[in-house]
């Protein structure tokens, strides 16, 4: 049963667009670098609702037990350091089993 990891990112308005694009590409590339990541998606929001997070990522792992391994994986840690350069406040993460 797939396990879903969602992160909402509040990218700073003054973050260099080239760096933001690089981070998004590196997030998506995690799917090729971490064997148990089934899919990885990342993009900029196109709506203005509620508290504004500018970008979101959605990772599909094989199961929940892999989330701790994902968190410490060197490829994830490298991207995480770049994410910290472009966000203005704390990101929000949501994790759940996908039964459907």
C-alpha atoms as a PDB file:
ATOM      1  CA  UNK A   1       0.000   0.000   0.000  1.00  0.00           C
ATOM      2  CA  UNK A   2       1.567   3.341  -1.014  1.00  0.00           C
ATOM      3  CA  UNK A   3       2.520   5.896   1.598  1.00  0.00           C
ATOM      4  CA  UNK A   4       2.142   9.582   0.683  1.00  0.00           C
ATOM      5  CA  UNK A   5       4.434  12.363   1.913  1.00  0.00           C
ATOM      6  CA  UNK A   6       3.304  15.933   1.123  1.00  0.00           C
ATOM      7  CA  UNK A   7       5.286  19.081   1.903  1.00  0.00           C
ATOM      8  CA  UNK A   8       3.985  22.630   1.490  1.00  0.00           C
ATOM      9  CA  UNK A   9       6.782  25.139   0.892  1.00  0.00           C
ATOM     10  CA  UNK A  10       6.603  28.906   1.495  1.00  0.00           C
ATOM     11  CA  UNK A  11       9.241  30.120  -0.974  1.00  0.00           C
ATOM     12  CA  UNK A  12      10.502  33.639  -0.231  1.00  0.00           C
ATOM     13  CA  UNK A  13       9.432  36.238  -2.818  1.00  0.00           C
ATOM     14  CA  UNK A  14      13.046  37.339  -3.237  1.00  0.00           C
ATOM     15  CA  UNK A  15      14.447  33.818  -3.720  1.00  0.00           C
ATOM     16  CA  UNK A  16      16.342  33.726  -7.040  1.00  0.00           C
ATOM     17  CA  UNK A  17      14.117  32.037  -9.636  1.00  0.00           C
ATOM     18  CA  UNK A  18      17.081  30.078 -10.986  1.00  0.00           C
ATOM     19  CA  UNK A  19      17.684  28.555  -7.538  1.00  0.00           C
ATOM     20  CA  UNK A  20      13.966  27.804  -7.066  1.00  0.00           C
ATOM     21  CA  UNK A  21      13.879  26.036 -10.455  1.00  0.00           C
ATOM     22  CA  UNK A  22      17.010  24.086  -9.518  1.00  0.00           C
ATOM     23  CA  UNK A  23      15.485  22.976  -6.205  1.00  0.00           C
ATOM     24  CA  UNK A  24      12.251  21.868  -7.893  1.00  0.00           C
ATOM     25  CA  UNK A  25      14.220  19.834 -10.441  1.00  0.00           C
ATOM     26  CA  UNK A  26      16.337  18.241  -7.706  1.00  0.00           C
ATOM     27  CA  UNK A  27      13.227  17.354  -5.699  1.00  0.00           C
ATOM     28  CA  UNK A  28      11.705  15.598  -8.719  1.00  0.00           C
ATOM     29  CA  UNK A  29      15.025  13.804  -9.371  1.00  0.00           C
ATOM     30  CA  UNK A  30      14.844  12.154  -5.925  1.00  0.00           C
ATOM     31  CA  UNK A  31      12.615   9.569  -7.572  1.00  0.00           C
ATOM     32  CA  UNK A  32      15.667   8.300  -9.465  1.00  0.00           C
ATOM     33  CA  UNK A  33      18.076   8.602  -6.532  1.00  0.00           C
ATOM     34  CA  UNK A  34      16.084   6.868  -3.790  1.00  0.00           C
ATOM     35  CA  UNK A  35      15.031   3.341  -4.825  1.00  0.00           C
ATOM     36  CA  UNK A  36      11.837   3.093  -2.757  1.00  0.00           C
ATOM     37  CA  UNK A  37      10.416   6.440  -3.943  1.00  0.00           C
ATOM     38  CA  UNK A  38       7.735   5.424  -6.446  1.00  0.00           C
ATOM     39  CA  UNK A  39       6.924   8.920  -7.684  1.00  0.00           C
ATOM     40  CA  UNK A  40       7.953  12.459  -6.845  1.00  0.00           C
ATOM     41  CA  UNK A  41       6.123  15.562  -7.970  1.00  0.00           C
ATOM     42  CA  UNK A  42       6.826  19.217  -7.201  1.00  0.00           C
ATOM     43  CA  UNK A  43       5.400  22.466  -8.507  1.00  0.00           C
ATOM     44  CA  UNK A  44       4.238  26.010  -7.919  1.00  0.00           C
ATOM     45  CA  UNK A  45       0.674  26.703  -6.824  1.00  0.00           C
ATOM     46  CA  UNK A  46      -1.643  28.394  -9.294  1.00  0.00           C
ATOM     47  CA  UNK A  47      -4.332  29.383  -6.757  1.00  0.00           C
ATOM     48  CA  UNK A  48      -4.499  31.869  -3.905  1.00  0.00           C
ATOM     49  CA  UNK A  49      -6.420  30.195  -1.055  1.00  0.00           C
ATOM     50  CA  UNK A  50      -5.855  30.405   2.692  1.00  0.00           C
ATOM     51  CA  UNK A  51      -2.336  30.607   4.078  1.00  0.00           C
ATOM     52  CA  UNK A  52      -0.185  30.904   1.030  1.00  0.00           C
ATOM     53  CA  UNK A  53       2.377  28.241   0.381  1.00  0.00           C
ATOM     54  CA  UNK A  54       3.966  28.809  -2.992  1.00  0.00           C
ATOM     55  CA  UNK A  55       5.113  25.279  -3.830  1.00  0.00           C
ATOM     56  CA  UNK A  56       4.234  21.711  -2.912  1.00  0.00           C
ATOM     57  CA  UNK A  57       5.856  18.342  -3.275  1.00  0.00           C
ATOM     58  CA  UNK A  58       4.193  14.947  -3.222  1.00  0.00           C
ATOM     59  CA  UNK A  59       6.251  11.785  -2.768  1.00  0.00           C
ATOM     60  CA  UNK A  60       4.842   8.297  -2.996  1.00  0.00           C
ATOM     61  CA  UNK A  61       6.851   5.759  -1.004  1.00  0.00           C
ATOM     62  CA  UNK A  62       6.293   2.012  -0.999  1.00  0.00           C
ATOM     63  CA  UNK A  63       5.245   2.006   2.678  1.00  0.00           C
ATOM     64  CA  UNK A  64       5.274   4.022   5.895  1.00  0.00           C
ATOM     65  CA  UNK A  65       8.291   2.234   7.351  1.00  0.00           C
ATOM     66  CA  UNK A  66      10.477   3.907   4.700  1.00  0.00           C
ATOM     67  CA  UNK A  67       9.750   7.475   5.824  1.00  0.00           C
ATOM     68  CA  UNK A  68      12.582   7.547   8.415  1.00  0.00           C
ATOM     69  CA  UNK A  69      15.025   6.156   5.821  1.00  0.00           C
ATOM     70  CA  UNK A  70      13.835   8.752   3.295  1.00  0.00           C
ATOM     71  CA  UNK A  71      14.372  11.530   5.848  1.00  0.00           C
ATOM     72  CA  UNK A  72      18.057  10.670   6.383  1.00  0.00           C
ATOM     73  CA  UNK A  73      18.893   9.586   2.825  1.00  0.00           C
ATOM     74  CA  UNK A  74      21.912  11.619   1.567  1.00  0.00           C
ATOM     75  CA  UNK A  75      20.081  12.724  -1.615  1.00  0.00           C
ATOM     76  CA  UNK A  76      17.134  14.004   0.440  1.00  0.00           C
ATOM     77  CA  UNK A  77      19.449  15.738   2.906  1.00  0.00           C
ATOM     78  CA  UNK A  78      21.270  17.526   0.049  1.00  0.00           C
ATOM     79  CA  UNK A  79      17.987  18.835  -1.399  1.00  0.00           C
ATOM     80  CA  UNK A  80      16.768  19.784   2.066  1.00  0.00           C
ATOM     81  CA  UNK A  81      19.770  22.095   2.511  1.00  0.00           C
ATOM     82  CA  UNK A  82      18.859  23.884  -0.724  1.00  0.00           C
ATOM     83  CA  UNK A  83      15.191  24.085   0.270  1.00  0.00           C
ATOM     84  CA  UNK A  84      16.231  25.879   3.462  1.00  0.00           C
ATOM     85  CA  UNK A  85      17.902  28.554   1.292  1.00  0.00           C
ATOM     86  CA  UNK A  86      14.679  29.452  -0.514  1.00  0.00           C
ATOM     87  CA  UNK A  87      11.916  29.206   2.097  1.00  0.00           C
ATOM     88  CA  UNK A  88      10.926  32.114   4.296  1.00  0.00           C
ATOM     89  CA  UNK A  89       9.299  30.163   7.107  1.00  0.00           C
ATOM     90  CA  UNK A  90       8.774  26.586   8.207  1.00  0.00           C
ATOM     91  CA  UNK A  91       7.362  24.134   5.688  1.00  0.00           C
ATOM     92  CA  UNK A  92       4.379  21.931   6.552  1.00  0.00           C
ATOM     93  CA  UNK A  93       4.498  18.149   6.054  1.00  0.00           C
ATOM     94  CA  UNK A  94       1.576  15.724   5.863  1.00  0.00           C
ATOM     95  CA  UNK A  95       1.993  11.954   5.725  1.00  0.00           C
ATOM     96  CA  UNK A  96      -0.625   9.228   5.227  1.00  0.00           C
ATOM     97  CA  UNK A  97      -1.279   5.715   3.995  1.00  0.00           C
ATOM     98  CA  UNK A  98      -3.051   5.691   0.650  1.00  0.00           C
ATOM     99  CA  UNK A  99      -5.621   2.957   0.694  1.00  0.00           C
ATOM    100  CA  UNK A 100      -7.225   4.058  -2.590  1.00  0.00           C
END
